[in-house]
């Protein structure tokens, strides 16, 4: 019998107490999510984290600001940051991604969409609709994201050659696809996709999904504009 996938821990971060409790009540019964706690600021959120466990921090702010994302990234570098936004406006989304956000969810999306985004963010995926993700990555690739990429080979190329399958996975990544999307397109399991991604990160000399996607987009592997 196949074991159920591990649940994603969720920390709800919102300045308003009523908002924190409303989100807790709404998401407590969603499959694949365990509410780890609620917090009013990044320091409180950090106290709820557990080493080695996939965790998403969902941030509900009246006006999401990239400085908040940077502060949260410094306090919890290994966690997915999921910001609630009014709409998928690139002018708002791109600075959040530069600050360290994993993705954004519109307040107009369904509860099911939000729950799936929480789980995906805990896995480190870029959480945006694919068309928006591709446009955001293309915009980021035209400039240098905040903090810059991690160290890689001296000419900015590969540390090791990618296999044909890894190239296919990387192309899908540059198009903003989720691990599930990539698995379905390439007829692979999600775990196999995750293994390919770990190998790709090592060969590119990057540490995050966004860095790998930007590496690909800058070299023409993303969608044509």
N, C-alpha and C. Protein backbone atom coordinates (compact mmCIF):
# COMPACT_ATOMS: atom_id res chain seq x y z
N UNK A 1 0.85 -1.19 0.00
CA UNK A 1 0.00 0.00 0.00
C UNK A 1 0.88 1.24 0.00
N UNK A 2 0.59 2.17 -0.91
CA UNK A 2 1.42 3.36 -1.03
C UNK A 2 1.19 4.31 0.15
N UNK A 3 2.28 4.79 0.74
CA UNK A 3 2.17 5.70 1.88
C UNK A 3 1.66 7.06 1.41
N UNK A 4 0.86 7.71 2.25
CA UNK A 4 0.36 9.04 1.92
C UNK A 4 1.51 10.04 1.96
N UNK A 5 1.49 11.04 1.07
CA UNK A 5 2.56 12.03 1.08
C UNK A 5 2.54 12.81 2.39
N UNK A 6 3.70 13.26 2.87
CA UNK A 6 3.74 13.99 4.14
C UNK A 6 2.96 15.29 4.05
N UNK A 7 2.34 15.65 5.16
CA UNK A 7 1.57 16.89 5.19
C UNK A 7 2.51 18.09 5.26
N UNK A 8 2.05 19.18 4.70
CA UNK A 8 2.81 20.43 4.76
C UNK A 8 2.37 21.22 5.98
N UNK A 9 3.34 21.65 6.78
CA UNK A 9 3.04 22.46 7.95
C UNK A 9 2.78 23.90 7.50
N UNK A 10 1.76 24.51 8.08
CA UNK A 10 1.40 25.88 7.71
C UNK A 10 1.46 26.78 8.93
N UNK A 11 2.19 27.87 8.77
CA UNK A 11 2.20 28.94 9.76
C UNK A 11 1.47 30.13 9.13
N UNK A 12 0.46 30.62 9.80
CA UNK A 12 -0.33 31.74 9.29
C UNK A 12 0.20 33.02 9.93
N UNK A 13 0.64 33.95 9.11
CA UNK A 13 1.22 35.20 9.61
C UNK A 13 0.34 36.36 9.15
N UNK A 14 -0.30 37.01 10.11
CA UNK A 14 -1.16 38.16 9.81
C UNK A 14 -1.17 39.07 11.03
N UNK A 15 -1.05 40.38 10.82
CA UNK A 15 -1.04 41.31 11.96
C UNK A 15 -2.35 41.29 12.75
N UNK A 16 -3.47 41.09 12.07
CA UNK A 16 -4.78 41.16 12.73
C UNK A 16 -5.17 39.80 13.31
N UNK A 17 -5.50 39.76 14.59
CA UNK A 17 -5.84 38.50 15.26
C UNK A 17 -7.07 37.84 14.63
N UNK A 18 -8.08 38.62 14.26
CA UNK A 18 -9.27 38.04 13.66
C UNK A 18 -8.95 37.37 12.33
N UNK A 19 -8.05 37.97 11.54
CA UNK A 19 -7.65 37.36 10.28
C UNK A 19 -6.91 36.05 10.52
N UNK A 20 -6.03 36.03 11.50
CA UNK A 20 -5.29 34.80 11.81
C UNK A 20 -6.24 33.65 12.14
N UNK A 21 -7.21 33.94 13.00
CA UNK A 21 -8.12 32.88 13.43
C UNK A 21 -9.08 32.47 12.31
N UNK A 22 -9.45 33.42 11.46
CA UNK A 22 -10.33 33.09 10.33
C UNK A 22 -9.63 32.15 9.36
N UNK A 23 -8.35 32.42 9.07
CA UNK A 23 -7.60 31.53 8.18
C UNK A 23 -7.37 30.17 8.82
N UNK A 24 -7.13 30.15 10.12
CA UNK A 24 -6.94 28.87 10.82
C UNK A 24 -8.21 28.01 10.67
N UNK A 25 -9.38 28.63 10.90
CA UNK A 25 -10.64 27.90 10.81
C UNK A 25 -10.90 27.42 9.39
N UNK A 26 -10.55 28.22 8.40
CA UNK A 26 -10.82 27.89 7.00
C UNK A 26 -9.94 26.76 6.49
N UNK A 27 -8.68 26.74 6.93
CA UNK A 27 -7.71 25.79 6.36
C UNK A 27 -7.47 24.55 7.22
N UNK A 28 -7.99 24.52 8.42
CA UNK A 28 -7.71 23.40 9.33
C UNK A 28 -8.16 22.06 8.77
N UNK A 29 -9.24 22.04 8.02
CA UNK A 29 -9.75 20.78 7.52
C UNK A 29 -9.27 20.40 6.13
N UNK A 30 -8.35 21.16 5.57
CA UNK A 30 -7.89 20.88 4.22
C UNK A 30 -6.90 19.72 4.20
N UNK A 31 -7.05 18.78 3.26
CA UNK A 31 -6.12 17.63 3.21
C UNK A 31 -4.70 18.06 2.89
N UNK A 32 -3.74 17.40 3.53
CA UNK A 32 -2.34 17.66 3.27
C UNK A 32 -1.77 18.85 4.01
N UNK A 33 -2.56 19.46 4.90
CA UNK A 33 -2.11 20.65 5.62
C UNK A 33 -2.28 20.44 7.12
N UNK A 34 -1.23 20.76 7.86
CA UNK A 34 -1.28 20.75 9.32
C UNK A 34 -0.98 22.17 9.80
N UNK A 35 -1.90 22.76 10.53
CA UNK A 35 -1.69 24.12 11.04
C UNK A 35 -0.69 24.06 12.19
N UNK A 36 0.49 24.66 11.98
CA UNK A 36 1.53 24.66 13.02
C UNK A 36 1.32 25.78 14.02
N UNK A 37 0.57 26.80 13.62
CA UNK A 37 0.33 27.92 14.52
C UNK A 37 0.08 29.20 13.76
N UNK A 38 -0.20 30.24 14.49
CA UNK A 38 -0.43 31.56 13.90
C UNK A 38 0.53 32.55 14.54
N UNK A 39 0.85 33.61 13.79
CA UNK A 39 1.83 34.59 14.27
C UNK A 39 1.45 35.98 13.78
N UNK A 40 1.89 36.97 14.54
CA UNK A 40 1.62 38.35 14.16
C UNK A 40 2.80 39.04 13.52
N UNK A 41 4.01 38.42 13.60
CA UNK A 41 5.19 39.01 12.99
C UNK A 41 6.20 37.90 12.69
N UNK A 42 7.27 38.20 11.91
CA UNK A 42 8.24 37.16 11.53
C UNK A 42 8.91 36.46 12.71
N UNK A 43 9.17 37.18 13.78
CA UNK A 43 9.83 36.56 14.93
C UNK A 43 8.94 35.49 15.55
N UNK A 44 7.65 35.79 15.68
CA UNK A 44 6.71 34.79 16.21
C UNK A 44 6.62 33.60 15.27
N UNK A 45 6.62 33.87 13.96
CA UNK A 45 6.55 32.79 12.97
C UNK A 45 7.77 31.88 13.07
N UNK A 46 8.95 32.47 13.26
CA UNK A 46 10.19 31.71 13.33
C UNK A 46 10.16 30.72 14.50
N UNK A 47 9.53 31.12 15.60
CA UNK A 47 9.47 30.26 16.78
C UNK A 47 8.61 29.01 16.54
N UNK A 48 7.79 29.01 15.49
CA UNK A 48 6.90 27.89 15.21
C UNK A 48 7.50 26.90 14.22
N UNK A 49 8.68 27.20 13.67
CA UNK A 49 9.26 26.36 12.63
C UNK A 49 9.94 25.14 13.23
N UNK A 50 10.04 24.07 12.43
CA UNK A 50 10.70 22.84 12.83
C UNK A 50 11.71 22.45 11.76
N UNK A 51 12.94 22.21 12.16
CA UNK A 51 13.99 21.88 11.20
C UNK A 51 13.66 20.60 10.44
N UNK A 52 13.86 20.65 9.12
CA UNK A 52 13.70 19.46 8.29
C UNK A 52 12.28 19.14 7.90
N UNK A 53 11.31 19.97 8.28
CA UNK A 53 9.93 19.74 7.91
C UNK A 53 9.46 20.80 6.92
N UNK A 54 8.83 20.35 5.82
CA UNK A 54 8.32 21.30 4.82
C UNK A 54 7.30 22.22 5.48
N UNK A 55 7.55 23.50 5.40
CA UNK A 55 6.68 24.48 6.04
C UNK A 55 6.39 25.63 5.10
N UNK A 56 5.14 26.04 5.07
CA UNK A 56 4.73 27.23 4.32
C UNK A 56 4.31 28.30 5.31
N UNK A 57 4.79 29.51 5.09
CA UNK A 57 4.31 30.66 5.86
C UNK A 57 3.38 31.46 4.94
N UNK A 58 2.11 31.50 5.29
CA UNK A 58 1.14 32.26 4.51
C UNK A 58 1.01 33.66 5.12
N UNK A 59 1.24 34.68 4.30
CA UNK A 59 1.30 36.05 4.79
C UNK A 59 0.10 36.85 4.30
N UNK A 60 -0.66 37.36 5.25
CA UNK A 60 -1.84 38.18 4.95
C UNK A 60 -1.59 39.59 5.46
N UNK A 61 -1.18 40.47 4.56
CA UNK A 61 -0.92 41.87 4.90
C UNK A 61 -1.84 42.78 4.10
N UNK A 62 -2.24 43.92 4.66
CA UNK A 62 -3.06 44.86 3.88
C UNK A 62 -2.36 45.31 2.60
N UNK A 63 -1.04 45.51 2.68
CA UNK A 63 -0.26 45.92 1.51
C UNK A 63 1.06 45.16 1.53
N UNK A 64 1.15 44.01 0.85
CA UNK A 64 2.39 43.22 0.87
C UNK A 64 3.57 44.03 0.39
N UNK A 65 4.70 43.96 1.11
CA UNK A 65 5.87 44.77 0.78
C UNK A 65 7.10 43.87 0.70
N UNK A 66 7.97 44.09 -0.31
CA UNK A 66 9.16 43.23 -0.44
C UNK A 66 10.08 43.27 0.76
N UNK A 67 10.12 44.37 1.51
CA UNK A 67 10.96 44.42 2.70
C UNK A 67 10.51 43.38 3.73
N UNK A 68 9.21 43.15 3.80
CA UNK A 68 8.68 42.13 4.71
C UNK A 68 9.13 40.76 4.26
N UNK A 69 9.12 40.52 2.93
CA UNK A 69 9.58 39.23 2.40
C UNK A 69 11.06 39.02 2.72
N UNK A 70 11.87 40.07 2.59
CA UNK A 70 13.30 39.95 2.89
C UNK A 70 13.54 39.67 4.37
N UNK A 71 12.78 40.34 5.22
CA UNK A 71 12.92 40.11 6.66
C UNK A 71 12.54 38.67 7.01
N UNK A 72 11.46 38.20 6.40
CA UNK A 72 11.00 36.85 6.67
C UNK A 72 11.98 35.82 6.11
N UNK A 73 12.55 36.08 4.94
CA UNK A 73 13.53 35.18 4.35
C UNK A 73 14.77 35.06 5.24
N UNK A 74 15.18 36.17 5.85
CA UNK A 74 16.33 36.14 6.75
C UNK A 74 16.03 35.32 8.00
N UNK A 75 14.79 35.39 8.48
CA UNK A 75 14.41 34.66 9.69
C UNK A 75 14.13 33.19 9.41
N UNK A 76 13.61 32.88 8.21
CA UNK A 76 13.23 31.50 7.88
C UNK A 76 13.59 31.20 6.43
N UNK A 77 14.89 31.01 6.14
CA UNK A 77 15.34 30.87 4.75
C UNK A 77 14.87 29.60 4.05
N UNK A 78 14.49 28.56 4.79
CA UNK A 78 14.12 27.29 4.18
C UNK A 78 12.62 27.09 4.01
N UNK A 79 11.84 28.09 4.33
CA UNK A 79 10.38 27.94 4.28
C UNK A 79 9.79 28.60 3.03
N UNK A 80 8.67 28.06 2.58
CA UNK A 80 7.95 28.69 1.48
C UNK A 80 7.19 29.89 1.97
N UNK A 81 7.27 30.99 1.23
CA UNK A 81 6.54 32.20 1.56
C UNK A 81 5.41 32.39 0.57
N UNK A 82 4.19 32.37 1.05
CA UNK A 82 3.02 32.52 0.19
C UNK A 82 2.27 33.79 0.57
N UNK A 83 2.30 34.78 -0.31
CA UNK A 83 1.65 36.07 -0.04
C UNK A 83 0.25 36.11 -0.65
N UNK A 84 -0.69 36.63 0.10
CA UNK A 84 -2.02 36.90 -0.44
C UNK A 84 -2.00 38.27 -1.11
N UNK A 85 -2.51 38.32 -2.35
CA UNK A 85 -2.51 39.58 -3.11
C UNK A 85 -3.91 39.83 -3.66
N UNK A 86 -4.17 41.09 -3.98
CA UNK A 86 -5.48 41.45 -4.53
C UNK A 86 -5.69 40.91 -5.93
N UNK A 87 -4.62 40.88 -6.73
CA UNK A 87 -4.69 40.38 -8.10
C UNK A 87 -3.28 40.00 -8.53
N UNK A 88 -3.19 39.30 -9.66
CA UNK A 88 -1.88 38.88 -10.16
C UNK A 88 -1.26 40.01 -10.99
N UNK A 89 -0.89 41.06 -10.29
CA UNK A 89 -0.28 42.24 -10.91
C UNK A 89 1.24 42.07 -10.84
N UNK A 90 1.89 42.00 -12.01
CA UNK A 90 3.33 41.79 -12.02
C UNK A 90 4.09 42.88 -11.28
N UNK A 91 3.57 44.09 -11.30
CA UNK A 91 4.25 45.19 -10.61
C UNK A 91 4.32 44.95 -9.11
N UNK A 92 3.37 44.18 -8.57
CA UNK A 92 3.38 43.84 -7.15
C UNK A 92 4.09 42.52 -6.90
N UNK A 93 3.92 41.57 -7.81
CA UNK A 93 4.45 40.22 -7.61
C UNK A 93 5.96 40.17 -7.73
N UNK A 94 6.52 40.83 -8.75
CA UNK A 94 7.96 40.71 -9.01
C UNK A 94 8.80 41.20 -7.83
N UNK A 95 8.50 42.37 -7.23
CA UNK A 95 9.29 42.77 -6.05
C UNK A 95 9.19 41.77 -4.89
N UNK A 96 8.04 41.12 -4.73
CA UNK A 96 7.90 40.12 -3.68
C UNK A 96 8.79 38.91 -3.95
N UNK A 97 8.83 38.47 -5.22
CA UNK A 97 9.71 37.35 -5.59
C UNK A 97 11.17 37.74 -5.38
N UNK A 98 11.53 38.96 -5.73
CA UNK A 98 12.89 39.43 -5.51
C UNK A 98 13.23 39.46 -4.03
N UNK A 99 12.23 39.75 -3.20
CA UNK A 99 12.47 39.82 -1.76
C UNK A 99 12.59 38.46 -1.11
N UNK A 100 12.12 37.41 -1.78
CA UNK A 100 12.23 36.07 -1.20
C UNK A 100 10.94 35.28 -1.18
N UNK A 101 9.85 35.85 -1.71
CA UNK A 101 8.58 35.12 -1.73
C UNK A 101 8.69 33.90 -2.64
N UNK A 102 7.98 32.83 -2.27
CA UNK A 102 7.89 31.65 -3.11
C UNK A 102 6.78 31.79 -4.13
N UNK A 103 5.75 32.54 -3.79
CA UNK A 103 4.65 32.74 -4.71
C UNK A 103 3.56 33.58 -4.10
N UNK A 104 2.48 33.73 -4.87
CA UNK A 104 1.35 34.55 -4.44
C UNK A 104 0.05 33.86 -4.82
N UNK A 105 -0.98 34.14 -4.04
CA UNK A 105 -2.32 33.64 -4.32
C UNK A 105 -3.28 34.81 -4.27
N UNK A 106 -4.13 34.91 -5.29
CA UNK A 106 -5.10 36.00 -5.32
C UNK A 106 -6.21 35.75 -4.30
N UNK A 107 -6.69 36.82 -3.72
CA UNK A 107 -7.81 36.71 -2.79
C UNK A 107 -9.09 36.29 -3.50
N UNK A 108 -9.09 36.31 -4.83
CA UNK A 108 -10.25 35.87 -5.60
C UNK A 108 -10.21 34.38 -5.91
N UNK A 109 -9.10 33.69 -5.58
CA UNK A 109 -8.99 32.26 -5.84
C UNK A 109 -9.85 31.47 -4.85
N UNK A 110 -10.07 30.19 -5.17
CA UNK A 110 -10.90 29.34 -4.31
C UNK A 110 -10.08 28.82 -3.12
N UNK A 111 -10.79 28.28 -2.12
CA UNK A 111 -10.12 27.68 -0.96
C UNK A 111 -9.27 26.50 -1.42
N UNK A 112 -9.78 25.73 -2.38
CA UNK A 112 -9.01 24.61 -2.91
C UNK A 112 -7.71 25.06 -3.56
N UNK A 113 -7.78 26.16 -4.32
CA UNK A 113 -6.57 26.72 -4.94
C UNK A 113 -5.57 27.14 -3.87
N UNK A 114 -6.07 27.77 -2.82
CA UNK A 114 -5.19 28.22 -1.74
C UNK A 114 -4.55 27.02 -1.05
N UNK A 115 -5.32 25.98 -0.78
CA UNK A 115 -4.77 24.79 -0.11
C UNK A 115 -3.68 24.15 -0.96
N UNK A 116 -3.92 24.03 -2.26
CA UNK A 116 -2.90 23.44 -3.14
C UNK A 116 -1.65 24.32 -3.18
N UNK A 117 -1.84 25.63 -3.14
CA UNK A 117 -0.70 26.55 -3.14
C UNK A 117 0.12 26.41 -1.87
N UNK A 118 -0.54 26.22 -0.73
CA UNK A 118 0.16 26.03 0.54
C UNK A 118 1.07 24.81 0.47
N UNK A 119 0.54 23.70 -0.05
CA UNK A 119 1.33 22.47 -0.15
C UNK A 119 2.49 22.66 -1.12
N UNK A 120 2.22 23.29 -2.27
CA UNK A 120 3.27 23.50 -3.27
C UNK A 120 4.37 24.41 -2.73
N UNK A 121 4.00 25.47 -2.02
CA UNK A 121 5.00 26.38 -1.47
C UNK A 121 5.88 25.68 -0.45
N UNK A 122 5.31 24.75 0.31
CA UNK A 122 6.10 23.99 1.27
C UNK A 122 7.14 23.11 0.60
N UNK A 123 6.90 22.74 -0.66
CA UNK A 123 7.86 21.95 -1.43
C UNK A 123 8.86 22.82 -2.18
N UNK A 124 8.72 24.15 -2.02
CA UNK A 124 9.66 25.06 -2.68
C UNK A 124 9.29 25.40 -4.11
N UNK A 125 8.06 25.08 -4.54
CA UNK A 125 7.66 25.38 -5.90
C UNK A 125 7.32 26.86 -6.06
N UNK A 126 7.42 27.34 -7.30
CA UNK A 126 6.99 28.69 -7.61
C UNK A 126 5.47 28.68 -7.70
N UNK A 127 4.81 29.40 -6.84
CA UNK A 127 3.35 29.34 -6.75
C UNK A 127 2.73 30.55 -7.41
N UNK A 128 2.42 30.38 -8.70
CA UNK A 128 1.72 31.38 -9.50
C UNK A 128 1.03 30.62 -10.63
N UNK A 129 -0.04 31.17 -11.20
CA UNK A 129 -0.59 30.55 -12.40
C UNK A 129 0.51 30.45 -13.46
N UNK A 130 0.58 29.36 -14.23
CA UNK A 130 1.69 29.16 -15.17
C UNK A 130 1.96 30.34 -16.10
N UNK A 131 0.92 30.95 -16.65
CA UNK A 131 1.15 32.07 -17.56
C UNK A 131 1.76 33.26 -16.83
N UNK A 132 1.30 33.50 -15.60
CA UNK A 132 1.85 34.61 -14.80
C UNK A 132 3.27 34.27 -14.39
N UNK A 133 3.52 33.02 -14.00
CA UNK A 133 4.86 32.61 -13.59
C UNK A 133 5.86 32.80 -14.72
N UNK A 134 5.48 32.41 -15.94
CA UNK A 134 6.38 32.55 -17.09
C UNK A 134 6.70 34.02 -17.35
N UNK A 135 5.69 34.88 -17.26
CA UNK A 135 5.91 36.32 -17.48
C UNK A 135 6.78 36.91 -16.37
N UNK A 136 6.54 36.47 -15.13
CA UNK A 136 7.34 36.98 -14.01
C UNK A 136 8.79 36.56 -14.13
N UNK A 137 9.03 35.30 -14.52
CA UNK A 137 10.40 34.82 -14.69
C UNK A 137 11.10 35.57 -15.82
N UNK A 138 10.38 35.82 -16.91
CA UNK A 138 10.96 36.55 -18.03
C UNK A 138 11.34 37.97 -17.60
N UNK A 139 10.46 38.60 -16.80
CA UNK A 139 10.75 39.96 -16.32
C UNK A 139 11.95 39.96 -15.37
N UNK A 140 12.00 38.96 -14.48
CA UNK A 140 13.13 38.86 -13.57
C UNK A 140 14.43 38.60 -14.32
N UNK A 141 14.35 37.81 -15.38
CA UNK A 141 15.56 37.47 -16.15
C UNK A 141 16.14 38.68 -16.87
N UNK A 142 15.29 39.68 -17.12
CA UNK A 142 15.80 40.88 -17.79
C UNK A 142 16.60 41.77 -16.84
N UNK A 143 16.46 41.52 -15.52
CA UNK A 143 17.24 42.24 -14.51
C UNK A 143 17.83 41.24 -13.55
N UNK A 144 18.56 41.69 -12.56
CA UNK A 144 19.20 40.79 -11.60
C UNK A 144 18.36 40.72 -10.35
N UNK A 145 17.85 39.54 -9.95
CA UNK A 145 17.04 39.44 -8.75
C UNK A 145 17.82 39.84 -7.51
N UNK A 146 17.09 40.34 -6.53
CA UNK A 146 17.72 40.79 -5.29
C UNK A 146 18.51 39.67 -4.67
N UNK A 147 19.72 39.96 -4.24
CA UNK A 147 20.57 38.96 -3.62
C UNK A 147 21.44 38.24 -4.61
N UNK A 148 21.01 38.18 -5.89
CA UNK A 148 21.80 37.54 -6.95
C UNK A 148 21.79 36.03 -6.82
N UNK A 149 22.19 35.34 -7.89
CA UNK A 149 22.24 33.89 -7.85
C UNK A 149 23.38 33.39 -6.99
N UNK A 150 23.32 32.13 -6.59
CA UNK A 150 24.42 31.55 -5.83
C UNK A 150 25.59 31.29 -6.76
N UNK A 151 26.74 30.99 -6.17
CA UNK A 151 27.94 30.79 -6.96
C UNK A 151 27.80 29.60 -7.89
N UNK A 152 28.29 29.75 -9.12
CA UNK A 152 28.32 28.65 -10.08
C UNK A 152 29.63 28.73 -10.83
N UNK A 153 29.78 27.98 -11.88
CA UNK A 153 31.06 27.95 -12.58
C UNK A 153 31.44 29.32 -13.07
N UNK A 154 32.73 29.55 -13.32
CA UNK A 154 33.25 30.89 -13.57
C UNK A 154 32.64 31.56 -14.79
N UNK A 155 32.20 30.77 -15.81
CA UNK A 155 31.64 31.39 -16.99
C UNK A 155 30.11 31.45 -16.94
N UNK A 156 29.52 31.12 -15.79
CA UNK A 156 28.07 31.14 -15.66
C UNK A 156 27.41 29.96 -16.33
N UNK A 157 28.16 28.96 -16.76
CA UNK A 157 27.60 27.81 -17.45
C UNK A 157 27.37 26.66 -16.51
N UNK A 158 27.35 25.46 -17.08
CA UNK A 158 27.06 24.26 -16.30
C UNK A 158 28.29 23.75 -15.57
N UNK A 159 28.07 23.24 -14.35
CA UNK A 159 29.14 22.55 -13.65
C UNK A 159 29.29 21.13 -14.20
N UNK A 160 28.17 20.55 -14.63
CA UNK A 160 28.16 19.24 -15.29
C UNK A 160 27.09 19.28 -16.37
N UNK A 161 27.24 18.49 -17.45
CA UNK A 161 26.21 18.47 -18.50
C UNK A 161 24.89 17.93 -17.97
N UNK A 162 23.78 18.46 -18.47
CA UNK A 162 22.46 17.96 -18.13
C UNK A 162 22.10 16.81 -19.06
N UNK A 163 21.37 15.83 -18.53
CA UNK A 163 20.85 14.76 -19.37
C UNK A 163 19.69 15.30 -20.19
N UNK A 164 19.29 14.52 -21.19
CA UNK A 164 18.16 14.93 -22.04
C UNK A 164 16.90 15.11 -21.20
N UNK A 165 16.66 14.20 -20.27
CA UNK A 165 15.48 14.30 -19.41
C UNK A 165 15.56 15.52 -18.51
N UNK A 166 16.74 15.81 -17.97
CA UNK A 166 16.90 16.99 -17.13
C UNK A 166 16.65 18.27 -17.92
N UNK A 167 17.04 18.27 -19.19
CA UNK A 167 16.76 19.44 -20.03
C UNK A 167 15.25 19.62 -20.21
N UNK A 168 14.52 18.53 -20.37
CA UNK A 168 13.07 18.61 -20.50
C UNK A 168 12.44 19.15 -19.23
N UNK A 169 12.92 18.69 -18.09
CA UNK A 169 12.41 19.18 -16.81
C UNK A 169 12.73 20.67 -16.66
N UNK A 170 13.94 21.07 -17.04
CA UNK A 170 14.35 22.46 -16.90
C UNK A 170 13.51 23.37 -17.80
N UNK A 171 13.20 22.92 -19.01
CA UNK A 171 12.35 23.72 -19.91
C UNK A 171 10.97 23.93 -19.29
N UNK A 172 10.41 22.88 -18.71
CA UNK A 172 9.11 23.00 -18.05
C UNK A 172 9.19 23.95 -16.86
N UNK A 173 10.28 23.87 -16.13
CA UNK A 173 10.48 24.75 -14.98
C UNK A 173 10.49 26.21 -15.43
N UNK A 174 11.15 26.49 -16.55
CA UNK A 174 11.24 27.85 -17.06
C UNK A 174 9.90 28.38 -17.55
N UNK A 175 8.97 27.49 -17.78
CA UNK A 175 7.62 27.89 -18.19
C UNK A 175 6.69 28.07 -16.99
N UNK A 176 7.23 27.92 -15.80
CA UNK A 176 6.44 28.14 -14.58
C UNK A 176 5.58 26.98 -14.18
N UNK A 177 5.89 25.77 -14.66
CA UNK A 177 5.08 24.60 -14.34
C UNK A 177 5.40 24.06 -12.94
N UNK A 178 4.40 23.48 -12.29
CA UNK A 178 4.60 22.86 -10.99
C UNK A 178 5.20 21.46 -11.18
N UNK A 179 5.63 20.85 -10.09
CA UNK A 179 6.16 19.49 -10.17
C UNK A 179 5.11 18.52 -10.72
N UNK A 180 3.85 18.70 -10.30
CA UNK A 180 2.77 17.84 -10.79
C UNK A 180 2.57 18.02 -12.28
N UNK A 181 2.60 19.28 -12.75
CA UNK A 181 2.46 19.55 -14.19
C UNK A 181 3.57 18.86 -14.97
N UNK A 182 4.81 19.01 -14.47
CA UNK A 182 5.97 18.43 -15.16
C UNK A 182 5.83 16.91 -15.19
N UNK A 183 5.42 16.32 -14.07
CA UNK A 183 5.28 14.87 -14.00
C UNK A 183 4.24 14.37 -15.01
N UNK A 184 3.12 15.07 -15.11
CA UNK A 184 2.07 14.64 -16.03
C UNK A 184 2.52 14.80 -17.48
N UNK A 185 3.21 15.90 -17.79
CA UNK A 185 3.64 16.15 -19.16
C UNK A 185 4.68 15.14 -19.61
N UNK A 186 5.62 14.80 -18.72
CA UNK A 186 6.72 13.91 -19.09
C UNK A 186 6.47 12.45 -18.72
N UNK A 187 5.26 12.19 -18.17
CA UNK A 187 4.88 10.83 -17.75
C UNK A 187 5.90 10.27 -16.75
N UNK A 188 6.08 11.03 -15.68
CA UNK A 188 6.97 10.66 -14.59
C UNK A 188 6.23 10.76 -13.28
N UNK A 189 6.79 10.19 -12.23
CA UNK A 189 6.23 10.41 -10.90
C UNK A 189 6.74 11.75 -10.36
N UNK A 190 6.01 12.32 -9.41
CA UNK A 190 6.44 13.59 -8.81
C UNK A 190 7.78 13.40 -8.11
N UNK A 191 7.99 12.25 -7.48
CA UNK A 191 9.26 12.00 -6.80
C UNK A 191 10.42 11.96 -7.79
N UNK A 192 10.18 11.42 -8.98
CA UNK A 192 11.23 11.39 -10.01
C UNK A 192 11.55 12.81 -10.46
N UNK A 193 10.51 13.63 -10.62
CA UNK A 193 10.73 15.03 -10.99
C UNK A 193 11.56 15.72 -9.92
N UNK A 194 11.23 15.49 -8.65
CA UNK A 194 11.98 16.11 -7.55
C UNK A 194 13.45 15.67 -7.58
N UNK A 195 13.69 14.39 -7.90
CA UNK A 195 15.07 13.91 -7.99
C UNK A 195 15.81 14.59 -9.14
N UNK A 196 15.14 14.76 -10.27
CA UNK A 196 15.76 15.46 -11.40
C UNK A 196 16.09 16.90 -11.02
N UNK A 197 15.19 17.54 -10.29
CA UNK A 197 15.42 18.93 -9.90
C UNK A 197 16.63 19.06 -8.98
N UNK A 198 16.78 18.13 -8.04
CA UNK A 198 17.95 18.18 -7.17
C UNK A 198 19.24 18.05 -7.98
N UNK A 199 19.22 17.16 -8.96
CA UNK A 199 20.39 16.99 -9.83
C UNK A 199 20.64 18.25 -10.65
N UNK A 200 19.58 18.85 -11.17
CA UNK A 200 19.70 20.08 -11.97
C UNK A 200 20.30 21.20 -11.13
N UNK A 201 19.81 21.38 -9.90
CA UNK A 201 20.34 22.44 -9.04
C UNK A 201 21.84 22.27 -8.84
N UNK A 202 22.26 21.02 -8.61
CA UNK A 202 23.68 20.77 -8.40
C UNK A 202 24.50 21.07 -9.63
N UNK A 203 23.99 20.69 -10.82
CA UNK A 203 24.74 20.90 -12.05
C UNK A 203 24.78 22.37 -12.47
N UNK A 204 23.75 23.12 -12.09
CA UNK A 204 23.74 24.56 -12.40
C UNK A 204 24.47 25.37 -11.34
N UNK A 205 24.65 24.78 -10.16
CA UNK A 205 25.27 25.51 -9.06
C UNK A 205 24.35 26.53 -8.45
N UNK A 206 23.04 26.19 -8.38
CA UNK A 206 22.06 27.10 -7.79
C UNK A 206 21.42 26.44 -6.58
N UNK A 207 20.72 27.23 -5.79
CA UNK A 207 20.15 26.69 -4.57
C UNK A 207 18.64 26.68 -4.51
N UNK A 208 17.97 27.37 -5.46
CA UNK A 208 16.52 27.46 -5.40
C UNK A 208 15.89 27.24 -6.76
N UNK A 209 14.60 27.00 -6.74
CA UNK A 209 13.84 26.79 -7.97
C UNK A 209 13.84 28.04 -8.84
N UNK A 210 13.67 29.19 -8.22
CA UNK A 210 13.65 30.43 -8.99
C UNK A 210 14.99 30.67 -9.67
N UNK A 211 16.09 30.41 -8.98
CA UNK A 211 17.42 30.59 -9.59
C UNK A 211 17.60 29.66 -10.78
N UNK A 212 17.13 28.41 -10.65
CA UNK A 212 17.24 27.47 -11.77
C UNK A 212 16.38 27.93 -12.94
N UNK A 213 15.16 28.39 -12.64
CA UNK A 213 14.27 28.86 -13.71
C UNK A 213 14.85 30.08 -14.41
N UNK A 214 15.44 31.00 -13.64
CA UNK A 214 16.04 32.19 -14.24
C UNK A 214 17.24 31.82 -15.10
N UNK A 215 18.04 30.86 -14.64
CA UNK A 215 19.18 30.38 -15.43
C UNK A 215 18.67 29.91 -16.79
N UNK A 216 17.56 29.16 -16.78
CA UNK A 216 17.01 28.61 -18.03
C UNK A 216 16.42 29.71 -18.92
N UNK A 217 15.67 30.62 -18.32
CA UNK A 217 15.03 31.68 -19.10
C UNK A 217 16.08 32.56 -19.77
N UNK A 218 17.14 32.89 -19.04
CA UNK A 218 18.20 33.75 -19.60
C UNK A 218 18.90 33.08 -20.78
N UNK A 219 18.82 31.75 -20.86
CA UNK A 219 19.48 31.03 -21.94
C UNK A 219 18.50 30.50 -22.98
N UNK A 220 17.29 31.07 -22.97
CA UNK A 220 16.33 30.79 -24.03
C UNK A 220 15.49 29.55 -23.88
N UNK A 221 15.42 28.99 -22.65
CA UNK A 221 14.63 27.78 -22.47
C UNK A 221 13.19 28.06 -22.07
N UNK A 222 12.85 29.32 -21.83
CA UNK A 222 11.49 29.65 -21.46
C UNK A 222 10.61 29.83 -22.68
N UNK A 223 9.33 30.20 -22.48
CA UNK A 223 8.43 30.39 -23.60
C UNK A 223 8.86 31.57 -24.45
N UNK A 224 8.62 31.49 -25.72
CA UNK A 224 8.94 32.61 -26.60
C UNK A 224 7.94 33.73 -26.40
N UNK A 225 8.47 34.95 -26.39
CA UNK A 225 7.59 36.11 -26.16
C UNK A 225 7.01 36.60 -27.48
